[in-house]
């Protein structure tokens, strides 16, 4: 598969309720942001909510790996870059 440019399907400001007591993005909300990006990806691929309603098919996350390389601060705006690196009949 060619090395395509990443898709930028989600950009979101950090909401105050997502902050922990250190005024950083709480670790649980990283997962929320990645989930929102996944929804945007499947919408982009034509496999979103409408597809699920029409076909009964859906997608699930079986595994995820997150590293916290730097803090996300209250004034930050996060953009998730997604790149499809491989796929088969059942997996992306």
N, C-alpha and C. Protein backbone atom coordinates (compact mmCIF):
# COMPACT_ATOMS: atom_id res chain seq x y z
N UNK A 1 0.85 -1.18 0.00
CA UNK A 1 0.00 0.00 0.00
C UNK A 1 0.89 1.23 0.00
N UNK A 2 0.61 2.21 -0.85
CA UNK A 2 1.45 3.41 -0.91
C UNK A 2 1.38 4.21 0.39
N UNK A 3 2.45 4.94 0.63
CA UNK A 3 2.53 5.77 1.83
C UNK A 3 1.81 7.09 1.56
N UNK A 4 0.51 7.11 1.78
CA UNK A 4 -0.32 8.29 1.51
C UNK A 4 -0.19 9.31 2.63
N UNK A 5 -0.50 10.53 2.30
CA UNK A 5 -0.52 11.59 3.32
C UNK A 5 -1.59 11.27 4.35
N UNK A 6 -1.37 11.62 5.60
CA UNK A 6 -2.38 11.34 6.63
C UNK A 6 -3.66 12.14 6.40
N UNK A 7 -4.76 11.56 6.81
CA UNK A 7 -6.05 12.25 6.78
C UNK A 7 -6.17 13.07 8.05
N UNK A 8 -6.64 14.28 7.92
CA UNK A 8 -6.89 15.14 9.08
C UNK A 8 -8.40 15.37 9.14
N UNK A 9 -9.09 14.43 9.79
CA UNK A 9 -10.55 14.44 9.80
C UNK A 9 -11.13 14.98 11.09
N UNK A 10 -10.28 15.22 12.09
CA UNK A 10 -10.79 15.74 13.36
C UNK A 10 -9.83 16.78 13.92
N UNK A 11 -10.36 17.93 14.20
CA UNK A 11 -9.66 18.97 14.95
C UNK A 11 -10.62 19.43 16.03
N UNK A 12 -10.14 19.46 17.28
CA UNK A 12 -11.02 19.82 18.38
C UNK A 12 -10.28 20.67 19.42
N UNK A 13 -10.93 21.70 19.92
CA UNK A 13 -10.36 22.42 21.06
C UNK A 13 -10.51 21.54 22.31
N UNK A 14 -9.75 21.87 23.32
CA UNK A 14 -9.83 21.14 24.59
C UNK A 14 -10.91 21.78 25.44
N UNK A 15 -11.86 20.97 25.86
CA UNK A 15 -12.97 21.48 26.68
C UNK A 15 -12.55 21.53 28.14
N UNK A 16 -12.99 22.53 28.89
CA UNK A 16 -12.59 22.65 30.30
C UNK A 16 -12.90 21.40 31.12
N UNK A 17 -14.01 20.74 30.82
CA UNK A 17 -14.37 19.54 31.60
C UNK A 17 -13.47 18.35 31.30
N UNK A 18 -12.61 18.45 30.30
CA UNK A 18 -11.67 17.38 29.98
C UNK A 18 -10.36 17.49 30.76
N UNK A 19 -10.19 18.55 31.54
CA UNK A 19 -8.93 18.79 32.24
C UNK A 19 -8.89 18.10 33.59
N UNK A 20 -7.69 17.68 33.98
CA UNK A 20 -7.51 17.11 35.32
C UNK A 20 -7.09 18.21 36.29
N UNK A 21 -6.78 17.83 37.52
CA UNK A 21 -6.44 18.83 38.54
C UNK A 21 -5.08 19.48 38.29
N UNK A 22 -4.29 18.94 37.35
CA UNK A 22 -3.02 19.57 36.96
C UNK A 22 -3.21 20.54 35.80
N UNK A 23 -4.46 20.71 35.37
CA UNK A 23 -4.80 21.58 34.24
C UNK A 23 -4.23 21.04 32.92
N UNK A 24 -4.13 19.71 32.82
CA UNK A 24 -3.73 19.02 31.60
C UNK A 24 -4.92 18.19 31.14
N UNK A 25 -4.90 17.79 29.88
CA UNK A 25 -5.93 16.89 29.38
C UNK A 25 -5.88 15.59 30.18
N UNK A 26 -7.01 15.20 30.78
CA UNK A 26 -7.10 13.94 31.53
C UNK A 26 -6.90 12.78 30.57
N UNK A 27 -6.21 11.73 31.03
CA UNK A 27 -5.86 10.61 30.15
C UNK A 27 -7.10 9.97 29.50
N UNK A 28 -8.22 9.94 30.18
CA UNK A 28 -9.43 9.33 29.61
C UNK A 28 -9.89 10.07 28.36
N UNK A 29 -9.63 11.35 28.28
CA UNK A 29 -10.12 12.14 27.15
C UNK A 29 -9.25 12.00 25.90
N UNK A 30 -8.02 11.51 26.06
CA UNK A 30 -7.25 11.12 24.88
C UNK A 30 -8.02 10.03 24.13
N UNK A 31 -8.51 9.05 24.87
CA UNK A 31 -9.27 7.96 24.26
C UNK A 31 -10.53 8.50 23.59
N UNK A 32 -11.21 9.44 24.24
CA UNK A 32 -12.40 10.05 23.64
C UNK A 32 -12.05 10.73 22.31
N UNK A 33 -10.97 11.49 22.29
CA UNK A 33 -10.56 12.18 21.07
C UNK A 33 -10.24 11.18 19.97
N UNK A 34 -9.52 10.10 20.31
CA UNK A 34 -9.22 9.08 19.31
C UNK A 34 -10.49 8.38 18.83
N UNK A 35 -11.45 8.17 19.72
CA UNK A 35 -12.73 7.59 19.32
C UNK A 35 -13.46 8.51 18.35
N UNK A 36 -13.47 9.80 18.66
CA UNK A 36 -14.11 10.78 17.77
C UNK A 36 -13.44 10.75 16.39
N UNK A 37 -12.11 10.60 16.37
CA UNK A 37 -11.39 10.52 15.09
C UNK A 37 -11.75 9.24 14.35
N UNK A 38 -11.95 8.15 15.09
CA UNK A 38 -12.37 6.90 14.46
C UNK A 38 -13.74 7.02 13.81
N UNK A 39 -14.66 7.68 14.50
CA UNK A 39 -15.99 7.92 13.93
C UNK A 39 -15.87 8.75 12.65
N UNK A 40 -15.03 9.78 12.70
CA UNK A 40 -14.83 10.63 11.51
C UNK A 40 -14.22 9.82 10.36
N UNK A 41 -13.28 8.92 10.68
CA UNK A 41 -12.67 8.08 9.65
C UNK A 41 -13.71 7.19 8.99
N UNK A 42 -14.51 6.51 9.79
CA UNK A 42 -15.49 5.60 9.21
C UNK A 42 -16.58 6.35 8.45
N UNK A 43 -16.93 7.55 8.90
CA UNK A 43 -17.84 8.39 8.10
C UNK A 43 -17.19 8.71 6.75
N UNK A 44 -15.92 9.08 6.78
CA UNK A 44 -15.18 9.40 5.55
C UNK A 44 -15.13 8.21 4.59
N UNK A 45 -15.03 7.01 5.13
CA UNK A 45 -14.96 5.79 4.32
C UNK A 45 -16.33 5.28 3.89
N UNK A 46 -17.39 5.98 4.32
CA UNK A 46 -18.75 5.54 3.98
C UNK A 46 -19.23 4.39 4.83
N UNK A 47 -18.61 4.21 6.00
CA UNK A 47 -18.94 3.10 6.89
C UNK A 47 -19.37 3.61 8.26
N UNK A 48 -20.02 4.76 8.29
CA UNK A 48 -20.43 5.39 9.54
C UNK A 48 -21.80 4.93 9.99
N UNK A 49 -22.47 5.81 10.71
CA UNK A 49 -23.76 5.49 11.32
C UNK A 49 -24.81 5.10 10.28
N UNK A 50 -24.88 5.82 9.17
CA UNK A 50 -25.87 5.50 8.13
C UNK A 50 -25.62 4.10 7.56
N UNK A 51 -24.36 3.77 7.31
CA UNK A 51 -23.99 2.44 6.81
C UNK A 51 -24.43 1.37 7.80
N UNK A 52 -24.18 1.61 9.07
CA UNK A 52 -24.54 0.64 10.10
C UNK A 52 -26.05 0.42 10.14
N UNK A 53 -26.82 1.51 10.07
CA UNK A 53 -28.28 1.39 10.07
C UNK A 53 -28.79 0.63 8.85
N UNK A 54 -28.20 0.92 7.69
CA UNK A 54 -28.66 0.31 6.44
C UNK A 54 -28.27 -1.16 6.30
N UNK A 55 -27.09 -1.52 6.80
CA UNK A 55 -26.57 -2.87 6.56
C UNK A 55 -26.56 -3.76 7.80
N UNK A 56 -26.65 -3.16 8.97
CA UNK A 56 -26.50 -3.93 10.20
C UNK A 56 -25.04 -4.20 10.54
N UNK A 57 -24.13 -3.77 9.67
CA UNK A 57 -22.70 -3.93 9.92
C UNK A 57 -22.18 -2.79 10.77
N UNK A 58 -21.05 -3.00 11.38
CA UNK A 58 -20.47 -1.96 12.22
C UNK A 58 -18.99 -2.22 12.37
N UNK A 59 -18.35 -1.43 13.18
CA UNK A 59 -16.94 -1.61 13.47
C UNK A 59 -16.72 -1.52 14.96
N UNK A 60 -15.67 -2.16 15.42
CA UNK A 60 -15.31 -2.13 16.84
C UNK A 60 -13.79 -1.96 16.94
N UNK A 61 -13.36 -1.40 18.04
CA UNK A 61 -11.94 -1.28 18.32
C UNK A 61 -11.55 -2.50 19.16
N UNK A 62 -10.60 -3.27 18.66
CA UNK A 62 -10.15 -4.46 19.38
C UNK A 62 -8.90 -4.20 20.20
N UNK A 63 -8.15 -3.18 19.83
CA UNK A 63 -6.88 -2.93 20.51
C UNK A 63 -6.47 -1.49 20.26
N UNK A 64 -5.85 -0.88 21.24
CA UNK A 64 -5.29 0.45 21.04
C UNK A 64 -4.05 0.60 21.90
N UNK A 65 -3.14 1.42 21.43
CA UNK A 65 -1.89 1.70 22.14
C UNK A 65 -1.70 3.21 22.14
N UNK A 66 -1.55 3.78 23.31
CA UNK A 66 -1.39 5.23 23.44
C UNK A 66 -0.11 5.51 24.19
N UNK A 67 0.67 6.44 23.67
CA UNK A 67 1.80 6.97 24.43
C UNK A 67 1.53 8.45 24.67
N UNK A 68 1.88 8.91 25.83
CA UNK A 68 1.65 10.30 26.22
C UNK A 68 2.98 11.03 26.12
N UNK A 69 3.26 11.58 24.95
CA UNK A 69 4.56 12.17 24.67
C UNK A 69 4.73 13.57 25.24
N UNK A 70 3.65 14.30 25.39
CA UNK A 70 3.70 15.62 26.03
C UNK A 70 2.30 15.97 26.50
N UNK A 71 2.24 16.91 27.42
CA UNK A 71 0.95 17.32 27.96
C UNK A 71 0.15 18.07 26.92
N UNK A 72 -1.16 17.90 26.97
CA UNK A 72 -2.08 18.72 26.18
C UNK A 72 -2.66 19.74 27.15
N UNK A 73 -2.53 21.00 26.80
CA UNK A 73 -2.88 22.10 27.70
C UNK A 73 -4.26 22.68 27.35
N UNK A 74 -4.85 23.44 28.27
CA UNK A 74 -6.20 23.98 28.06
C UNK A 74 -6.37 24.80 26.79
N UNK A 75 -5.35 25.53 26.38
CA UNK A 75 -5.49 26.39 25.20
C UNK A 75 -5.16 25.66 23.89
N UNK A 76 -4.76 24.39 23.97
CA UNK A 76 -4.39 23.65 22.77
C UNK A 76 -5.61 23.29 21.92
N UNK A 77 -5.36 23.15 20.65
CA UNK A 77 -6.33 22.59 19.71
C UNK A 77 -5.66 21.34 19.15
N UNK A 78 -6.34 20.21 19.24
CA UNK A 78 -5.78 18.92 18.84
C UNK A 78 -6.29 18.54 17.46
N UNK A 79 -5.38 18.17 16.58
CA UNK A 79 -5.73 17.60 15.28
C UNK A 79 -5.21 16.17 15.25
N UNK A 80 -6.10 15.23 14.93
CA UNK A 80 -5.71 13.82 14.83
C UNK A 80 -5.42 13.52 13.37
N UNK A 81 -4.23 12.99 13.12
CA UNK A 81 -3.85 12.55 11.78
C UNK A 81 -4.00 11.04 11.72
N UNK A 82 -4.72 10.56 10.71
CA UNK A 82 -4.98 9.13 10.57
C UNK A 82 -4.39 8.66 9.26
N UNK A 83 -3.71 7.54 9.33
CA UNK A 83 -3.13 6.94 8.12
C UNK A 83 -3.50 5.46 8.10
N UNK A 84 -4.11 5.02 7.02
CA UNK A 84 -4.43 3.61 6.85
C UNK A 84 -3.17 2.92 6.34
N UNK A 85 -2.63 2.00 7.14
CA UNK A 85 -1.37 1.36 6.76
C UNK A 85 -1.56 -0.05 6.20
N UNK A 86 -2.72 -0.66 6.47
CA UNK A 86 -2.98 -1.99 5.92
C UNK A 86 -4.45 -2.32 6.11
N UNK A 87 -4.92 -3.28 5.38
CA UNK A 87 -6.30 -3.73 5.54
C UNK A 87 -6.46 -5.11 4.92
N UNK A 88 -7.51 -5.80 5.32
CA UNK A 88 -7.94 -7.02 4.66
C UNK A 88 -9.46 -7.02 4.69
N UNK A 89 -10.08 -8.14 4.46
CA UNK A 89 -11.54 -8.19 4.37
C UNK A 89 -12.24 -7.83 5.68
N UNK A 90 -11.54 -7.97 6.81
CA UNK A 90 -12.18 -7.71 8.10
C UNK A 90 -11.52 -6.62 8.93
N UNK A 91 -10.33 -6.21 8.57
CA UNK A 91 -9.57 -5.31 9.45
C UNK A 91 -8.99 -4.13 8.69
N UNK A 92 -8.90 -3.02 9.42
CA UNK A 92 -8.19 -1.84 8.92
C UNK A 92 -7.02 -1.58 9.85
